[in-house]
Each structure stands twice: as structure tokens, then as C-alpha cells.
Amino acid sequence: MKGWIEGFQESIDFIEENLTDDLDIEEIAAKAALSPFYYQRIFGALCGMTVAEYIRARRMTLAATELIGKDVKVIDIAVRYGYDSPDSFAKAFQKFHGVTPSGAREPGAALRSFAPMHIKITMEGGTMLDYRIVEKAPFTIVGVKRPFNSDTSYQEVPKFWNEWIAKGEDRPIMGTFGVCIDCNGKDFDYWIADLYFPWEEIPEGCETRVIPGSLWAQFPCTLSNLQDTNTKIWSEWLPALKGYSLAGEYDIEVYLPPKEGSDEMNIFIWVPLKKAE
């Protein structure tokens, strides 16, 4: 999709130009003409890390360069790269480089360097990604939700599922859907939910939420290739998408029983779309 990759690269260039300033995810995402919610999902798929991890790695790389190349106080470098105290800077520095800031100035100290990213989509042998675009009326889910931060969600959401599954027969719902709903661009609510019908009682501890009517791109997958399919959606399918753009501030995982003769759960990833203007 012409312009999409250029916009995403512009957002990374913006990060690079402002590493010593306060960086706001809304301003970064705007450079790519994306919402913060989708920007962070796509960034993780393309770059293999969160936006915050990338910023920290670049800041620590530049901080080390300044430490060994300039006669400057550690506190001045700490403040320059957004740390409130030498102690917090030293802990972050040692975690990244494996040595303290003072140790970095010793002759022969081994330091790590993380180069700026450059986004480039290349074709390396065709890969098949099945999908279909369907239109669905609004529907209501019922379930339990928990707030998550985009920086830690890959580790924490599976724990949420494990806790829910461990309840066994005490679960008031089965967990047909896993729904991500944006809260403020960086944080989102994740729902474990079922389809709700108005004549049913809402189980204790559960809530309902209306999912607006939309066009949906539906991608079939299994539990074993869920992450791989998710990565391909953002890194291969979206850049090549024509005639549509992302819509809404949510996406959905659908978990259905295994097909006859299969032991693997039948899973779909749903991404909301709208026709391009």
C-alpha cells in the first residue's frame, strides 16, 4: 500500500529526532496516520518489540556513546534521556549494557549498540494467508475484562487466560471471544467473553459490551500458528491491502471447538475494516 510504509518510517524518524524529549504515543502514531492502538500492534509485529522497548534501547545506546565520548557528568546524561535520578539511570543502563555507567568508561568495556530501525517490506517467496471480508451487524458480548498495558500485554494476557481456564466448571462463561478494546492508545481492556442474548441473565462478576456493526477481515488459524498469523496480518497483509483501511479501536480472537477429526481448536482473528475514501 503506497504511502503506508513511508508513513511508518516517518514515525520512527520522528522518534529518532526526539529521543531526548518526552515522546507521546499519540504524536508518534499520527506520523503513520494510525491510531495509537493499531500503531503499537503493528510496531510489535514489524519490529519484534514494543515502542517503549525500542525507545529505551535507542536512548541507552546514545547514552553510552556520550558517556565514553564526552567529558560529561552521569547526572547530566541521565536527565538528558529522561531519568529522574542517577540511580534509576544506572539501573536501566546496567540492565541494557551489563555494566554500570562508571564501568562503561573503563578501557575495553563491552557495550551494546542498538541501531535505528528502517522499515522495508520485501517479497521473499509467496506465503499464503487465507481471509475473507464479511459484514456483521452489531452484537453484544458478555464476559470479564481486565486492563492491560501494551508494553507487557504479550506476557500478561496469557496469564489472564490461564487463571480463567483454571476455574474449571466455576467459570460463568466459556470464553468464545478474546476482545481487545482500546482505552487510551497505550492501555486497553481485554475481555474473555461469550455472545450475549438479551433474554439471558448476566452472570455474577460479568459485564456486557456492544461491538459495533462493521466490515471484518476474518483470518482462520489454529492455536499453534496464532502468533505467526497475527504477525503476517500486520507485516504482510496490511501493507498490501487496497480499497480498505483499519476501523474501530478493537480486534477480536474467536475460539471455536475443533473440527471433526482434528484435535486443534478452530480459531479466527477478526480485524475491523472500512472502505477507503
Protein backbone atom coordinates (compact mmCIF):
# COMPACT_ATOMS: atom_id res chain seq x y z
CA MET A 1 0.00 0.00 0.00
CA LYS A 2 1.85 3.08 -1.28
CA GLY A 3 2.49 5.61 1.46
CA TRP A 4 1.86 3.21 4.34
CA ILE A 5 5.47 2.11 4.80
CA GLU A 6 6.72 5.65 4.23
CA GLY A 7 4.40 6.88 6.98
CA PHE A 8 5.56 4.22 9.38
CA GLN A 9 9.19 5.06 8.67
CA GLU A 10 8.37 8.71 9.26
CA SER A 11 7.12 7.77 12.73
CA ILE A 12 10.41 6.02 13.52
CA ASP A 13 12.37 9.01 12.19
CA PHE A 14 10.28 11.20 14.49
CA ILE A 15 11.27 9.02 17.46
CA GLU A 16 14.94 9.33 16.48
CA GLU A 17 14.73 13.11 16.22
CA ASN A 18 13.14 13.44 19.66
CA LEU A 19 14.87 10.84 21.82
CA THR A 20 15.91 13.48 24.36
CA ASP A 21 12.35 14.83 24.64
CA ASP A 22 9.14 13.43 26.11
CA LEU A 23 7.70 11.16 23.43
CA ASP A 24 3.92 10.81 23.22
CA ILE A 25 2.48 7.69 21.59
CA GLU A 26 -0.39 9.66 20.03
CA GLU A 27 2.04 12.01 18.30
CA ILE A 28 4.22 9.10 17.15
CA ALA A 29 1.26 7.14 15.76
CA ALA A 30 -0.09 10.24 13.97
CA LYS A 31 3.07 10.29 11.83
CA ALA A 32 1.97 6.92 10.44
CA ALA A 33 -1.69 8.01 10.15
CA LEU A 34 -2.70 5.29 12.61
CA SER A 35 -4.39 5.23 15.99
CA PRO A 36 -2.04 4.52 18.92
CA PHE A 37 -3.92 1.24 19.46
CA TYR A 38 -3.15 -0.11 15.99
CA TYR A 39 0.25 1.55 15.73
CA GLN A 40 1.55 -0.36 18.72
CA ARG A 41 0.18 -3.66 17.40
CA ILE A 42 1.77 -3.13 14.01
CA PHE A 43 5.04 -1.90 15.52
CA GLY A 44 5.33 -5.08 17.58
CA ALA A 45 4.69 -7.28 14.53
CA LEU A 46 7.14 -5.43 12.29
CA CYS A 47 9.88 -4.74 14.81
CA GLY A 48 9.63 -7.61 17.29
CA MET A 49 9.47 -5.30 20.32
CA THR A 50 7.23 -2.68 21.85
CA VAL A 51 7.55 1.03 21.11
CA ALA A 52 8.74 1.63 24.68
CA GLU A 53 11.42 -1.07 24.39
CA TYR A 54 12.67 0.47 21.16
CA ILE A 55 12.87 3.94 22.70
CA ARG A 56 14.73 2.60 25.74
CA ALA A 57 17.22 0.69 23.57
CA ARG A 58 17.96 3.72 21.43
CA ARG A 59 18.32 6.02 24.43
CA MET A 60 20.68 3.61 26.18
CA THR A 61 22.77 3.31 23.00
CA LEU A 62 23.13 7.07 22.68
CA ALA A 63 23.74 7.48 26.41
CA ALA A 64 26.67 5.04 26.23
CA THR A 65 28.12 6.90 23.26
CA GLU A 66 28.02 10.15 25.19
CA LEU A 67 29.49 8.57 28.33
CA ILE A 68 32.59 7.28 26.58
CA GLY A 69 32.97 10.12 24.10
CA LYS A 70 32.40 13.22 26.19
CA ASP A 71 33.57 14.64 29.50
CA VAL A 72 30.08 14.94 30.95
CA LYS A 73 28.54 14.07 34.29
CA VAL A 74 26.39 10.96 34.60
CA ILE A 75 23.57 13.01 36.13
CA ASP A 76 23.52 15.28 33.08
CA ILE A 77 23.18 12.31 30.73
CA ALA A 78 20.53 10.76 32.97
CA VAL A 79 18.41 13.92 32.82
CA ARG A 80 19.01 14.30 29.08
CA TYR A 81 17.49 10.86 28.45
CA GLY A 82 14.51 11.23 30.77
CA TYR A 83 15.66 9.75 34.10
CA ASP A 84 14.87 11.47 37.36
CA SER A 85 17.96 10.31 39.25
CA PRO A 86 21.42 8.82 38.67
CA ASP A 87 20.29 5.64 40.45
CA SER A 88 17.35 4.95 38.13
CA PHE A 89 19.55 5.71 35.12
CA ALA A 90 22.34 3.44 36.42
CA LYS A 91 19.91 0.53 36.91
CA ALA A 92 18.50 0.90 33.39
CA PHE A 93 21.99 1.34 31.93
CA GLN A 94 23.36 -1.77 33.64
CA LYS A 95 20.34 -3.84 32.62
CA PHE A 96 20.91 -2.91 28.97
CA HIS A 97 24.71 -2.88 28.76
CA GLY A 98 25.70 -5.25 31.56
CA VAL A 99 27.98 -2.64 33.17
CA THR A 100 27.43 0.48 35.27
CA PRO A 101 27.81 3.95 33.74
CA SER A 102 31.15 4.38 35.51
CA GLY A 103 32.25 0.93 34.34
CA ALA A 104 31.43 1.90 30.77
CA ARG A 105 34.24 4.46 30.92
CA GLU A 106 36.84 1.84 31.78
CA PRO A 107 39.18 0.90 28.90
CA GLY A 108 37.92 -2.14 26.99
CA ALA A 109 34.40 -2.06 28.48
CA ALA A 110 31.97 -4.08 26.35
CA LEU A 111 28.85 -2.14 25.46
CA ARG A 112 25.77 -2.90 23.41
CA SER A 113 24.61 -0.86 20.43
CA PHE A 114 21.07 -0.84 19.02
CA ALA A 115 20.86 0.82 15.60
CA PRO A 116 17.86 2.83 14.35
CA MET A 117 15.26 0.76 12.56
CA HIS A 118 14.41 1.17 8.90
CA ILE A 119 11.15 -0.42 7.77
CA LYS A 120 11.35 -2.22 4.46
CA ILE A 121 8.83 -4.75 3.15
CA THR A 122 10.30 -7.26 0.71
CA MET A 123 8.84 -10.27 -1.09
CA GLU A 124 10.75 -13.40 -0.21
CA GLY A 125 8.72 -16.18 -1.73
CA GLY A 126 4.94 -16.05 -1.51
CA THR A 127 3.24 -17.06 1.71
CA MET A 128 -0.45 -17.90 1.77
CA LEU A 129 -2.72 -16.12 4.21
CA ASP A 130 -6.38 -17.07 3.90
CA TYR A 131 -9.02 -14.50 4.82
CA ARG A 132 -12.43 -13.23 3.87
CA ILE A 133 -14.15 -9.89 4.35
CA VAL A 134 -17.68 -10.06 5.75
CA GLU A 135 -20.17 -7.55 7.08
CA LYS A 136 -21.66 -8.15 10.52
CA ALA A 137 -24.43 -6.36 12.39
CA PRO A 138 -23.75 -5.11 15.94
CA PHE A 139 -23.59 -7.82 18.56
CA THR A 140 -23.21 -7.93 22.32
CA ILE A 141 -20.64 -9.83 24.34
CA VAL A 142 -20.81 -10.80 27.99
CA GLY A 143 -17.70 -11.57 29.99
CA VAL A 144 -14.94 -10.47 32.30
CA LYS A 145 -12.39 -7.81 31.48
CA ARG A 146 -9.02 -6.72 32.79
CA PRO A 147 -6.92 -3.65 31.90
CA PHE A 148 -3.54 -4.23 30.25
CA ASN A 149 -0.61 -2.14 29.12
CA SER A 150 0.67 -2.61 25.58
CA ASP A 151 4.26 -2.95 26.83
CA THR A 152 3.53 -6.07 28.90
CA SER A 153 0.35 -7.49 27.36
CA TYR A 154 2.05 -10.33 25.45
CA GLN A 155 3.15 -11.79 28.79
CA GLU A 156 0.16 -10.85 30.92
CA VAL A 157 -2.84 -11.72 28.70
CA PRO A 158 -1.93 -15.46 28.57
CA LYS A 159 -1.79 -15.41 32.38
CA PHE A 160 -5.32 -13.98 32.40
CA TRP A 161 -6.49 -16.88 30.22
CA ASN A 162 -4.69 -19.45 32.38
CA GLU A 163 -6.36 -18.07 35.51
CA TRP A 164 -9.74 -18.21 33.81
CA ILE A 165 -9.30 -21.75 32.49
CA ALA A 166 -8.13 -22.91 35.94
CA LYS A 167 -11.58 -22.04 37.32
CA GLY A 168 -12.94 -25.10 35.50
CA GLU A 169 -16.65 -25.61 35.97
CA ASP A 170 -16.86 -22.49 38.13
CA ARG A 171 -16.50 -20.31 35.04
CA PRO A 172 -19.77 -18.46 34.30
CA ILE A 173 -18.81 -18.20 30.62
CA MET A 174 -16.81 -20.44 28.29
CA GLY A 175 -14.57 -17.88 26.59
CA THR A 176 -15.58 -17.86 22.92
CA PHE A 177 -14.06 -14.43 22.37
CA GLY A 178 -10.87 -12.66 23.34
CA VAL A 179 -11.55 -8.97 22.67
CA CYS A 180 -9.05 -6.10 22.81
CA ILE A 181 -10.74 -2.71 23.25
CA ASP A 182 -8.64 0.44 23.27
CA CYS A 183 -8.78 2.68 26.35
CA ASN A 184 -6.30 5.47 25.68
CA GLY A 185 -3.93 4.27 22.97
CA LYS A 186 -1.43 2.70 25.35
CA ASP A 187 -3.74 0.79 27.66
CA PHE A 188 -6.59 -1.47 26.64
CA ASP A 189 -9.23 -3.71 28.15
CA TYR A 190 -9.03 -7.38 27.28
CA TRP A 191 -12.29 -9.31 27.53
CA ILE A 192 -12.81 -13.04 27.86
CA ALA A 193 -16.38 -13.28 26.67
CA ASP A 194 -19.26 -15.13 25.06
CA LEU A 195 -22.10 -13.96 22.84
CA TYR A 196 -24.85 -12.34 24.92
CA PHE A 197 -28.56 -12.56 24.28
CA PRO A 198 -30.94 -10.05 25.95
CA TRP A 199 -33.19 -12.71 27.43
CA GLU A 200 -30.28 -14.20 29.38
CA GLU A 201 -29.21 -13.15 32.87
CA ILE A 202 -25.79 -11.54 33.18
CA PRO A 203 -23.63 -13.88 35.30
CA GLU A 204 -22.25 -12.50 38.55
CA GLY A 205 -18.96 -10.68 38.03
CA CYS A 206 -19.56 -10.22 34.30
CA GLU A 207 -20.37 -7.20 32.16
CA THR A 208 -21.77 -6.65 28.68
CA ARG A 209 -20.41 -4.64 25.78
CA VAL A 210 -21.86 -3.87 22.35
CA ILE A 211 -19.47 -4.46 19.44
CA PRO A 212 -20.49 -2.08 16.61
CA GLY A 213 -21.51 -3.36 13.22
CA SER A 214 -18.61 -3.40 10.80
CA LEU A 215 -16.83 -4.99 7.92
CA TRP A 216 -14.45 -7.60 9.28
CA ALA A 217 -11.43 -9.30 7.79
CA GLN A 218 -11.55 -12.83 9.22
CA PHE A 219 -8.36 -14.91 9.31
CA PRO A 220 -8.60 -18.63 10.17
CA CYS A 221 -5.79 -20.12 12.22
CA THR A 222 -5.08 -22.61 14.99
CA LEU A 223 -3.56 -22.20 18.43
CA SER A 224 -0.23 -23.43 17.10
CA ASN A 225 0.03 -20.72 14.43
CA LEU A 226 -1.92 -17.91 16.12
CA GLN A 227 1.10 -15.68 16.72
CA ASP A 228 2.51 -16.36 13.25
CA THR A 229 -0.82 -15.46 11.64
CA ASN A 230 -1.08 -12.31 13.73
CA THR A 231 2.40 -11.22 12.64
CA LYS A 232 1.60 -11.85 8.97
CA ILE A 233 -1.60 -9.82 9.22
CA TRP A 234 0.29 -6.69 10.27
CA SER A 235 3.57 -7.19 8.41
CA GLU A 236 2.39 -8.69 5.09
CA TRP A 237 -1.36 -8.45 4.60
CA LEU A 238 -1.93 -4.87 5.82
CA PRO A 239 0.81 -3.21 3.71
CA ALA A 240 -0.67 -4.89 0.60
CA LEU A 241 -4.32 -4.08 1.47
CA LYS A 242 -6.09 -1.95 -1.14
CA GLY A 243 -9.54 -0.42 -1.04
CA TYR A 244 -9.90 -0.69 2.75
CA SER A 245 -8.42 0.84 5.88
CA LEU A 246 -8.49 -0.09 9.56
CA ALA A 247 -11.62 0.83 11.50
CA GLY A 248 -12.57 0.85 15.16
CA GLU A 249 -10.31 0.59 18.18
CA TYR A 250 -10.61 -3.13 18.82
CA ASP A 251 -9.84 -6.54 17.42
CA ILE A 252 -11.19 -9.96 18.26
CA GLU A 253 -9.98 -13.53 18.63
CA VAL A 254 -12.69 -16.18 18.18
CA TYR A 255 -12.18 -19.62 19.77
CA LEU A 256 -14.40 -22.42 18.48
CA PRO A 257 -14.36 -26.20 19.17
CA PRO A 258 -12.11 -28.37 16.97
CA LYS A 259 -13.44 -29.50 13.62
CA GLU A 260 -14.38 -33.14 13.31
CA GLY A 261 -11.25 -35.27 13.07
CA SER A 262 -9.00 -32.53 14.48
CA ASP A 263 -7.57 -32.03 17.95
CA GLU A 264 -6.80 -28.33 17.46
CA MET A 265 -9.22 -25.58 18.39
CA ASN A 266 -10.65 -23.68 15.42
CA ILE A 267 -9.57 -20.03 15.79
CA PHE A 268 -10.21 -16.81 13.87
CA ILE A 269 -8.66 -13.36 14.16
CA TRP A 270 -11.12 -10.59 13.26
CA VAL A 271 -9.87 -7.14 12.23
CA PRO A 272 -12.45 -4.34 11.65
CA LEU A 273 -12.26 -2.51 8.31
CA LYS A 274 -13.89 0.30 6.42
CA LYS A 275 -13.86 1.04 2.71
CA ALA A 276 -11.18 3.54 1.78
CA GLU A 277 -12.43 7.00 0.91
